[in-house]
C-alpha atoms as a PDB file:
ATOM      1  CA  MET A   1      -0.072   0.005  -0.078  1.00  0.00           C
ATOM      2  CA  SER A   2       1.418   3.324  -0.848  1.00  0.00           C
ATOM      3  CA  ARG A   3       2.260   5.885   1.434  1.00  0.00           C
ATOM      4  CA  GLU A   4      -0.540   8.481   0.229  1.00  0.00           C
ATOM      5  CA  LEU A   5      -3.136   5.594   0.685  1.00  0.00           C
ATOM      6  CA  LYS A   6      -1.970   4.977   4.251  1.00  0.00           C
ATOM      7  CA  ALA A   7      -2.203   8.391   5.207  1.00  0.00           C
ATOM      8  CA  ASP A   8      -5.538   8.599   3.570  1.00  0.00           C
ATOM      9  CA  ASN A   9      -6.757   5.902   5.727  1.00  0.00           C
ATOM     10  CA  ALA A  10      -5.263   7.391   8.865  1.00  0.00           C
ATOM     11  CA  SER A  11      -6.980  10.936   8.436  1.00  0.00           C
ATOM     12  CA  LEU A  12     -10.246   9.036   7.612  1.00  0.00           C
ATOM     13  CA  HIS A  13     -10.257   6.771  10.722  1.00  0.00           C
ATOM     14  CA  SER A  14      -8.602   8.366  13.477  1.00  0.00           C
ATOM     15  CA  THR A  15      -8.333  12.003  15.097  1.00  0.00           C
ATOM     16  CA  PRO A  16      -5.225  14.092  15.832  1.00  0.00           C
ATOM     17  CA  LYS A  17      -4.416  15.218  19.252  1.00  0.00           C
ATOM     18  CA  LEU A  18      -5.677  18.487  20.056  1.00  0.00           C
ATOM     19  CA  MET A  19      -3.530  21.043  21.627  1.00  0.00           C
ATOM     20  CA  THR A  20      -6.079  23.772  22.805  1.00  0.00           C
ATOM     21  CA  PRO A  21      -9.785  23.753  23.757  1.00  0.00           C
ATOM     22  CA  TRP A  22     -10.709  26.070  21.004  1.00  0.00           C
ATOM     23  CA  ALA A  23     -13.545  25.066  18.851  1.00  0.00           C
ATOM     24  CA  MET A  24     -11.533  25.995  15.805  1.00  0.00           C
ATOM     25  CA  GLU A  25      -8.960  23.464  16.134  1.00  0.00           C
ATOM     26  CA  LYS A  26     -11.558  20.776  16.704  1.00  0.00           C
ATOM     27  CA  GLN A  27     -13.501  21.888  13.594  1.00  0.00           C
ATOM     28  CA  TYR A  28     -10.272  21.690  11.432  1.00  0.00           C
ATOM     29  CA  SER A  29      -9.100  18.191  13.230  1.00  0.00           C
ATOM     30  CA  VAL A  30     -12.861  16.880  11.617  1.00  0.00           C
ATOM     31  CA  ILE A  31     -12.450  18.305   8.353  1.00  0.00           C
ATOM     32  CA  TYR A  32      -9.004  18.475   7.068  1.00  0.00           C
ATOM     33  CA  THR A  33      -6.361  15.545   6.522  1.00  0.00           C
ATOM     34  CA  HIS A  34      -3.629  14.972   9.474  1.00  0.00           C
ATOM     35  CA  GLU A  35      -1.061  16.676   7.400  1.00  0.00           C
ATOM     36  CA  VAL A  36      -2.957  20.060   6.321  1.00  0.00           C
ATOM     37  CA  PHE A  37      -4.402  19.835  10.323  1.00  0.00           C
ATOM     38  CA  SER A  38      -0.859  19.796  11.749  1.00  0.00           C
ATOM     39  CA  LYS A  39      -0.108  22.519   9.556  1.00  0.00           C
ATOM     40  CA  PHE A  40      -2.907  24.768  10.891  1.00  0.00           C
ATOM     41  CA  GLN A  41      -2.421  23.493  14.404  1.00  0.00           C
ATOM     42  CA  GLU A  42       1.172  25.066  14.192  1.00  0.00           C
ATOM     43  CA  GLN A  43      -0.358  28.493  13.129  1.00  0.00           C
ATOM     44  CA  LEU A  44      -3.017  28.197  15.746  1.00  0.00           C
ATOM     45  CA  ILE A  45      -0.538  27.524  18.545  1.00  0.00           C
ATOM     46  CA  VAL A  46       1.721  30.414  17.361  1.00  0.00           C
ATOM     47  CA  ALA A  47      -1.452  32.642  17.119  1.00  0.00           C
ATOM     48  CA  ARG A  48      -2.104  31.701  21.047  1.00  0.00           C
ATOM     49  CA  ASP A  49       1.345  31.992  22.283  1.00  0.00           C
ATOM     50  CA  HIS A  50       3.139  34.952  20.093  1.00  0.00           C
ATOM     51  CA  CYS A  51       0.565  36.917  18.318  1.00  0.00           C
ATOM     52  CA  ILE A  52      -0.399  40.528  20.072  1.00  0.00           C
ATOM     53  CA  ILE A  53      -2.925  42.916  18.607  1.00  0.00           C
ATOM     54  CA  GLN A  54      -1.430  46.514  18.455  1.00  0.00           C
ATOM     55  CA  GLY A  55      -4.265  48.201  17.330  1.00  0.00           C
ATOM     56  CA  PHE A  56      -7.037  48.192  14.928  1.00  0.00           C
ATOM     57  CA  PHE A  57      -9.035  50.840  12.654  1.00  0.00           C
ATOM     58  CA  GLU A  58     -12.469  50.409  11.224  1.00  0.00           C
ATOM     59  CA  CYS A  59     -14.178  52.047   8.105  1.00  0.00           C
ATOM     60  CA  GLU A  60     -17.505  50.952   7.198  1.00  0.00           C
ATOM     61  CA  ASP A  61     -17.496  47.033   6.622  1.00  0.00           C
ATOM     62  CA  THR A  62     -13.765  46.625   7.063  1.00  0.00           C
ATOM     63  CA  LYS A  63     -11.382  46.426   9.969  1.00  0.00           C
ATOM     64  CA  ILE A  64      -7.736  46.818   9.562  1.00  0.00           C
ATOM     65  CA  VAL A  65      -5.807  45.098  12.405  1.00  0.00           C
ATOM     66  CA  THR A  66      -1.999  45.525  13.081  1.00  0.00           C
ATOM     67  CA  ILE A  67      -0.684  42.461  14.724  1.00  0.00           C
ATOM     68  CA  SER A  68       2.985  42.023  16.222  1.00  0.00           C
ATOM     69  CA  SER A  69       4.914  38.961  17.530  1.00  0.00           C
ATOM     70  CA  GLN A  70       7.817  38.496  19.623  1.00  0.00           C
ATOM     71  CA  SER A  71      10.078  38.698  16.635  1.00  0.00           C
ATOM     72  CA  GLY A  72       9.094  42.411  16.262  1.00  0.00           C
ATOM     73  CA  LYS A  73       7.792  41.750  12.990  1.00  0.00           C
ATOM     74  CA  GLU A  74       4.370  43.345  12.458  1.00  0.00           C
ATOM     75  CA  ARG A  75       1.590  42.171   9.789  1.00  0.00           C
ATOM     76  CA  VAL A  76      -1.755  43.967   8.770  1.00  0.00           C
ATOM     77  CA  VAL A  77      -4.962  41.893   8.739  1.00  0.00           C
ATOM     78  CA  GLU A  78      -7.628  43.517   6.525  1.00  0.00           C
ATOM     79  CA  MET A  79     -10.953  41.762   7.487  1.00  0.00           C
ATOM     80  CA  ASN A  80     -14.466  42.206   6.030  1.00  0.00           C
ATOM     81  CA  LYS A  81     -16.840  42.320   8.896  1.00  0.00           C
ATOM     82  CA  SER A  82     -19.829  41.126   6.934  1.00  0.00           C
ATOM     83  CA  ASN A  83     -18.496  37.779   5.928  1.00  0.00           C
ATOM     84  CA  MET A  84     -15.385  37.590   8.276  1.00  0.00           C
ATOM     85  CA  PHE A  85     -12.748  36.773   5.617  1.00  0.00           C
ATOM     86  CA  GLY A  86      -9.421  38.546   5.891  1.00  0.00           C
ATOM     87  CA  ARG A  87      -6.329  39.056   3.757  1.00  0.00           C
ATOM     88  CA  CYS A  88      -3.157  39.270   5.661  1.00  0.00           C
ATOM     89  CA  SER A  89       0.116  41.027   4.652  1.00  0.00           C
ATOM     90  CA  CYS A  90       2.041  37.636   5.307  1.00  0.00           C
ATOM     91  CA  LYS A  91       0.257  35.959   2.361  1.00  0.00           C
ATOM     92  CA  PHE A  92       0.297  32.454   4.185  1.00  0.00           C
ATOM     93  CA  TYR A  93      -3.292  31.948   3.396  1.00  0.00           C
ATOM     94  CA  GLU A  94      -2.655  32.823  -0.375  1.00  0.00           C
ATOM     95  CA  SER A  95       0.263  30.343  -0.580  1.00  0.00           C
ATOM     96  CA  TYR A  96      -0.720  27.446   1.471  1.00  0.00           C
ATOM     97  CA  GLY A  97      -4.722  27.742   1.692  1.00  0.00           C
ATOM     98  CA  ILE A  98      -4.607  27.298   5.466  1.00  0.00           C
ATOM     99  CA  PRO A  99      -5.499  30.692   7.661  1.00  0.00           C
ATOM    100  CA  CYS A 100      -2.318  32.145   9.069  1.00  0.00           C
ATOM    101  CA  ARG A 101      -1.701  33.020  12.518  1.00  0.00           C
ATOM    102  CA  HIS A 102      -2.632  36.542  12.097  1.00  0.00           C
ATOM    103  CA  ILE A 103      -5.776  35.817  10.663  1.00  0.00           C
ATOM    104  CA  ILE A 104      -6.628  33.379  13.684  1.00  0.00           C
ATOM    105  CA  GLN A 105      -5.763  35.825  15.928  1.00  0.00           C
ATOM    106  CA  VAL A 106      -8.043  38.694  14.595  1.00  0.00           C
ATOM    107  CA  LEU A 107     -10.903  35.999  14.355  1.00  0.00           C
ATOM    108  CA  ARG A 108     -10.545  35.050  17.998  1.00  0.00           C
ATOM    109  CA  SER A 109     -10.612  38.571  18.822  1.00  0.00           C
ATOM    110  CA  GLU A 110     -13.836  39.131  16.996  1.00  0.00           C
ATOM    111  CA  LYS A 111     -15.344  35.906  19.141  1.00  0.00           C
ATOM    112  CA  GLN A 112     -15.434  33.676  16.263  1.00  0.00           C
ATOM    113  CA  ASN A 113     -15.330  30.558  17.782  1.00  0.00           C
ATOM    114  CA  GLU A 114     -14.895  28.573  14.584  1.00  0.00           C
ATOM    115  CA  ILE A 115     -13.319  29.354  11.419  1.00  0.00           C
ATOM    116  CA  PRO A 116     -15.665  30.783   8.729  1.00  0.00           C
ATOM    117  CA  LEU A 117     -16.451  28.462   5.565  1.00  0.00           C
ATOM    118  CA  VAL A 118     -15.051  30.523   3.290  1.00  0.00           C
ATOM    119  CA  TYR A 119     -11.624  29.524   4.502  1.00  0.00           C
ATOM    120  CA  ILE A 120     -12.029  26.055   4.105  1.00  0.00           C
ATOM    121  CA  MET A 121     -10.640  24.628   0.809  1.00  0.00           C
ATOM    122  CA  LYS A 122     -11.952  21.610  -0.576  1.00  0.00           C
ATOM    123  CA  ARG A 123      -8.824  20.163  -1.781  1.00  0.00           C
ATOM    124  CA  TRP A 124      -7.679  19.819   1.908  1.00  0.00           C
ATOM    125  CA  ASP A 125     -10.835  17.841   3.119  1.00  0.00           C
ATOM    126  CA  LYS A 126     -10.004  14.308   4.070  1.00  0.00           C
ATOM    127  CA  ARG A 127     -12.982  13.204   2.090  1.00  0.00           C
ATOM    128  CA  CYS A 128     -11.968  14.842  -1.140  1.00  0.00           C
ATOM    129  CA  LYS A 129     -10.835  11.588  -2.815  1.00  0.00           C
ATOM    130  CA  ARG A 130     -14.097   9.759  -2.719  1.00  0.00           C
ATOM    131  CA  CYS A 131     -16.370   8.800  -5.340  1.00  0.00           C
ATOM    132  CA  VAL A 132     -19.966   7.895  -5.294  1.00  0.00           C
ATOM    133  CA  LEU A 133     -21.337   4.438  -6.784  1.00  0.00           C
ATOM    134  CA  TYR A 134     -25.025   4.050  -7.254  1.00  0.00           C
ATOM    135  CA  SER A 135     -27.026   0.714  -7.280  1.00  0.00           C
ATOM    136  CA  PHE A 136     -29.394   1.010  -9.918  1.00  0.00           C
ATOM    137  CA  PHE A 137     -31.289  -2.215  -8.802  1.00  0.00           C
ATOM    138  CA  MET A 138     -31.130  -1.600  -5.048  1.00  0.00           C
ATOM    139  CA  SER A 139     -31.527   2.408  -5.477  1.00  0.00           C
ATOM    140  CA  ILE A 140     -28.832   2.657  -2.711  1.00  0.00           C
ATOM    141  CA  LEU A 141     -26.305   5.055  -2.660  1.00  0.00           C
ATOM    142  CA  LEU A 142     -22.895   3.725  -1.861  1.00  0.00           C
ATOM    143  CA  GLN A 143     -19.432   5.577  -1.110  1.00  0.00           C
ATOM    144  CA  TYR A 144     -16.266   3.899  -2.120  1.00  0.00           C
ATOM    145  CA  SER A 145     -12.736   5.327  -1.796  1.00  0.00           C
ATOM    146  CA  SER A 146     -11.484   6.798  -5.086  1.00  0.00           C
ATOM    147  CA  ILE A 147      -8.999   3.575  -5.351  1.00  0.00           C
ATOM    148  CA  CYS A 148     -11.952   2.000  -6.986  1.00  0.00           C
ATOM    149  CA  TYR A 149     -10.630   3.043 -10.551  1.00  0.00           C
ATOM    150  CA  ALA A 150     -11.909  -0.329 -12.060  1.00  0.00           C
ATOM    151  CA  CYS A 151     -15.633  -0.617 -10.424  1.00  0.00           C
ATOM    152  CA  PHE A 152     -17.494  -3.747 -10.609  1.00  0.00           C
ATOM    153  CA  VAL A 153     -19.374  -3.254 -13.663  1.00  0.00           C
ATOM    154  CA  THR A 154     -20.784  -6.658 -14.066  1.00  0.00           C
ATOM    155  CA  GLY A 155     -22.000  -6.404 -10.487  1.00  0.00           C
ATOM    156  CA  LYS A 156     -24.713  -3.881 -11.448  1.00  0.00           C
ATOM    157  CA  TYR A 157     -22.834  -1.060 -10.040  1.00  0.00           C
ATOM    158  CA  TYR A 158     -22.231   2.032 -12.172  1.00  0.00           C
ATOM    159  CA  LEU A 159     -19.885   4.885 -11.733  1.00  0.00           C
ATOM    160  CA  MET A 160     -22.126   8.064 -11.516  1.00  0.00           C
ATOM    161  CA  THR A 161     -19.809  10.453 -10.321  1.00  0.00           C
ATOM    162  CA  LYS A 162     -16.449  11.161  -9.132  1.00  0.00           C
ATOM    163  CA  VAL A 163     -15.509  13.790  -6.864  1.00  0.00           C
ATOM    164  CA  THR A 164     -12.157  15.998  -7.540  1.00  0.00           C
ATOM    165  CA  CYS A 165     -10.918  18.725  -5.753  1.00  0.00           C
END
């Protein structure tokens, strides 16, 4: 069995260890593969331990927040208050598809217990590599892993759709 298949199986059938009582960490542990979750968890821990909000400015539907760290670097997060989607000057989300420590800190300061769905990229979802098989004779919807490239057609199962992310 390949390393990728083993990692996919582990992500589907186990839950990673949580480091905080925060709902957003639990949320990501359920949705994302272990590999992506560990990268998110790293950002979460650094947000908790090292990010300090220095100031903010509000203008209509936008909140601009300046965040500093122990290293002395400052980052600016521009947050849309209506959908809680933010862009950070570090460009971590644009590069990796995972909210950065600065965005996480701003969301926490806005009392957002969970990460807004707008941040959740389908390509990191642990169920992304699943396809759906439909039994025409029993009218039952079944899910099989995407490893079923050669579906059992003679057994009256026909590939209807394959979800790709």
